[in-house]
Protein backbone atom coordinates (compact mmCIF):
# COMPACT_ATOMS: atom_id res chain seq x y z
CA MET A 1 0.43 22.01 -68.73
CA ALA A 2 -3.39 23.37 -67.81
CA LEU A 3 -3.83 25.59 -65.06
CA SER A 4 -5.84 24.23 -62.13
CA SER A 5 -8.67 25.83 -60.15
CA THR A 6 -7.86 27.36 -56.93
CA ILE A 7 -9.62 26.21 -53.63
CA PHE A 8 -11.80 28.41 -51.68
CA LYS A 9 -13.31 27.73 -48.10
CA VAL A 10 -16.03 30.04 -47.14
CA ASP A 11 -17.56 30.23 -43.53
CA LEU A 12 -20.89 31.38 -44.64
CA ALA A 13 -23.62 32.99 -42.10
CA ILE A 14 -26.70 34.41 -43.71
CA ASN A 15 -28.87 36.92 -41.65
CA ASP A 16 -31.81 37.56 -44.15
CA ALA A 17 -35.08 39.40 -42.17
CA ASP A 18 -36.56 40.08 -45.26
CA ARG A 19 -37.24 36.13 -45.92
CA ASN A 20 -36.95 35.06 -42.20
CA TYR A 21 -33.88 32.80 -43.54
CA TYR A 22 -31.10 32.23 -41.24
CA ASP A 23 -28.14 29.75 -42.09
CA GLN A 24 -24.52 29.09 -41.58
CA LYS A 25 -22.91 27.27 -44.76
CA SER A 26 -19.58 25.97 -45.37
CA LEU A 27 -18.69 26.54 -48.67
CA THR A 28 -15.71 25.12 -50.93
CA LEU A 29 -15.27 26.57 -54.38
CA ALA A 30 -12.98 25.51 -57.31
CA ARG A 31 -12.46 29.10 -59.09
CA HIS A 32 -11.51 28.33 -62.76
CA PRO A 33 -8.38 29.77 -63.76
CA SER A 34 -10.61 32.47 -65.55
CA GLU A 35 -12.55 33.44 -63.17
CA THR A 36 -12.02 36.67 -61.70
CA ASP A 37 -12.00 37.41 -57.87
CA GLU A 38 -14.68 40.01 -58.26
CA ARG A 39 -16.70 36.87 -60.16
CA MET A 40 -15.85 34.68 -57.44
CA MET A 41 -17.19 36.82 -54.81
CA LEU A 42 -20.77 38.08 -56.80
CA ARG A 43 -21.18 33.87 -56.70
CA ILE A 44 -20.67 33.76 -53.07
CA LEU A 45 -23.30 37.06 -52.45
CA ILE A 46 -25.46 35.76 -54.64
CA PHE A 47 -25.62 32.26 -53.10
CA ALA A 48 -26.16 34.23 -49.80
CA LEU A 49 -29.22 36.20 -51.56
CA LEU A 50 -30.89 33.42 -52.71
CA ALA A 51 -29.96 31.14 -50.21
CA SER A 52 -32.29 27.95 -49.79
CA PRO A 53 -31.71 24.30 -48.61
CA SER A 54 -31.36 23.11 -52.04
CA LEU A 55 -29.55 26.32 -53.81
CA GLU A 56 -26.41 25.00 -55.21
CA LEU A 57 -23.27 26.34 -56.78
CA THR A 58 -22.43 24.87 -59.78
CA LYS A 59 -19.58 24.15 -62.15
CA GLY A 60 -19.99 27.65 -63.47
CA LEU A 61 -17.43 28.71 -66.06
CA SER A 62 -15.93 25.45 -66.51
CA SER A 63 -19.14 24.33 -68.53
CA ASP A 64 -21.65 25.89 -70.79
CA GLU A 65 -24.51 23.63 -69.82
CA VAL A 66 -24.99 24.55 -66.85
CA PRO A 67 -25.74 28.20 -64.53
CA ASP A 68 -23.57 29.40 -61.92
CA LEU A 69 -26.07 28.29 -59.47
CA TRP A 70 -29.27 26.63 -59.60
CA GLU A 71 -31.93 25.06 -57.33
CA LYS A 72 -33.49 22.00 -58.32
CA ASN A 73 -36.53 20.15 -56.71
CA LEU A 74 -36.89 16.50 -55.87
CA ARG A 75 -37.66 15.28 -59.11
CA ASP A 76 -34.55 16.85 -60.65
CA GLU A 77 -36.66 19.89 -62.48
CA ILE A 78 -34.88 23.05 -62.57
CA GLU A 79 -36.43 25.75 -60.13
CA LEU A 80 -33.94 28.34 -60.58
CA TRP A 81 -31.18 29.15 -63.26
CA VAL A 82 -29.08 31.61 -62.22
CA ASP A 83 -26.37 33.33 -64.67
CA LEU A 84 -24.04 35.52 -63.72
CA GLY A 85 -22.52 38.28 -66.45
CA GLN A 86 -24.50 39.67 -69.67
CA PRO A 87 -25.82 36.24 -71.50
CA ASP A 88 -26.88 36.48 -74.90
CA GLU A 89 -30.73 36.30 -75.54
CA LYS A 90 -30.23 32.45 -77.05
CA ARG A 91 -28.95 31.48 -73.31
CA ILE A 92 -31.58 33.12 -71.71
CA ARG A 93 -34.41 31.83 -73.70
CA LYS A 94 -32.75 28.24 -73.35
CA ALA A 95 -32.62 28.81 -69.53
CA CYS A 96 -36.21 29.96 -69.41
CA GLY A 97 -37.26 26.78 -71.36
CA ARG A 98 -35.53 24.88 -68.56
CA SER A 99 -36.48 26.03 -65.82
CA ALA A 100 -39.46 27.78 -63.57
CA ARG A 101 -37.57 31.25 -62.71
CA VAL A 102 -34.25 32.28 -64.33
CA LEU A 103 -32.29 35.28 -62.58
CA VAL A 104 -29.47 36.99 -64.58
CA VAL A 105 -27.13 38.93 -62.56
CA ALA A 106 -25.19 41.55 -64.67
CA TYR A 107 -22.54 43.26 -62.86
CA GLY A 108 -19.81 45.65 -63.52
CA ASN A 109 -19.69 49.65 -64.75
CA LYS A 110 -20.46 50.35 -68.05
CA ALA A 111 -20.91 46.91 -69.50
CA PRO A 112 -24.01 46.15 -67.90
CA GLU A 113 -26.14 49.27 -68.77
CA LEU A 114 -25.00 48.99 -72.33
CA TRP A 115 -26.11 45.11 -72.57
CA TRP A 116 -29.20 46.27 -71.00
CA ALA A 117 -29.93 49.12 -73.15
CA GLN A 118 -29.23 46.58 -76.26
CA ASN A 119 -31.39 43.65 -74.62
CA GLN A 120 -34.21 44.90 -72.85
CA GLY A 121 -36.90 45.23 -74.92
CA LYS A 122 -36.17 41.47 -76.24
CA LEU A 123 -36.21 40.50 -72.57
CA GLN A 124 -39.28 41.76 -71.45
CA ARG A 125 -41.09 38.82 -72.95
CA PHE A 126 -39.75 36.58 -70.86
CA ASP A 127 -42.18 36.25 -67.43
CA LYS A 128 -39.60 33.54 -65.91
CA LEU A 129 -36.71 36.09 -66.16
CA ALA A 130 -35.57 38.91 -63.71
CA VAL A 131 -32.09 40.96 -64.02
CA TRP A 132 -30.29 42.32 -61.27
CA MET A 133 -27.35 44.54 -61.77
CA ILE A 134 -24.28 44.86 -59.13
CA ALA A 135 -22.13 47.87 -59.76
CA GLY A 136 -18.77 47.35 -60.24
CA ASP A 137 -17.44 49.62 -57.17
CA VAL A 138 -19.36 46.95 -55.02
CA LEU A 139 -17.19 44.11 -56.17
CA GLU A 140 -14.18 46.22 -56.27
CA ALA A 141 -14.81 46.25 -52.24
CA LEU A 142 -15.97 42.68 -51.95
CA THR A 143 -12.52 41.61 -53.82
CA ALA A 144 -10.31 43.14 -50.86
CA MET A 145 -12.23 40.20 -48.67
CA VAL A 146 -10.90 37.33 -50.64
CA ALA A 147 -8.36 34.84 -49.06
CA ARG A 148 -8.47 31.10 -49.46
CA HIS A 149 -10.26 31.13 -46.27
CA MET A 150 -12.84 33.67 -45.48
CA LYS A 151 -15.53 34.29 -42.75
CA LEU A 152 -18.22 36.09 -44.33
CA VAL A 153 -21.40 37.56 -42.81
CA VAL A 154 -24.63 38.66 -44.95
CA THR A 155 -27.18 40.25 -43.67
CA VAL A 156 -30.52 41.35 -45.03
CA SER A 157 -33.18 44.07 -43.84
CA ASP A 158 -35.59 46.06 -45.52
CA SER A 159 -33.73 45.19 -49.30
CA LEU A 160 -30.16 46.83 -47.84
CA VAL A 161 -27.73 44.05 -47.55
CA TRP A 162 -24.09 44.24 -45.66
CA VAL A 163 -21.58 41.90 -46.17
CA SER A 164 -18.58 41.55 -43.44
CA ASP A 165 -15.81 39.81 -43.02
CA ASP A 166 -13.43 40.52 -39.51
CA GLN A 167 -12.01 43.71 -41.09
CA GLN A 168 -14.86 45.24 -43.23
CA ASN A 169 -18.39 45.91 -43.73
CA ILE A 170 -19.84 46.62 -47.03
CA GLU A 171 -23.36 47.90 -47.66
CA LEU A 172 -25.06 47.41 -50.85
CA THR A 173 -28.39 47.12 -53.03
CA PRO A 174 -28.47 45.36 -55.96
CA ALA A 175 -30.31 47.39 -58.79
CA ILE A 176 -33.29 45.30 -60.18
CA TRP A 177 -34.23 45.97 -63.70
CA LYS A 178 -36.37 43.47 -63.86
CA SER A 179 -38.28 41.45 -61.33
CA TRP A 180 -40.50 37.75 -61.46
CA PRO A 181 -44.44 38.75 -61.53
CA PRO A 182 -45.88 38.07 -58.45
CA ALA A 183 -46.41 34.59 -57.00
CA ASN A 184 -50.05 33.36 -56.70
């Protein structure tokens, strides 16, 4: 018998002073049986950091054809493709061909640095690509907040990020390894 997804409910308050974006979201996440708590919390964090009216969590791990998050316009064109982890160059090239912008968020302790060292030269040619990194110790701290029903507040100010629940407050700053070119 196949394992089923675990459902998590998240009441998410987003206070992003850097983008002047403030919102309340009620999210329902179906965590795939092979997805870790760290990865699920990373999806929530990145959703909050990029939040917009059209940003969506996708099926993620349960589908190879879609990213972990995406933003589509009214013509159903992909404006933003977000992959978590260390995807191969072929997947990144495909994402850059299908969307206006691509974000890869590498995470963990040593694996992201090794992946970036091996791929940095090849990935510099993709103008649509940005690469961020979230350290493993940050994800470990976020994992302590995991519950079937979470009430989280994500606050952003001067590029600093705070994630808090009723008991904890975690401060982090994503490392920006590659950024998008400035908008015209």
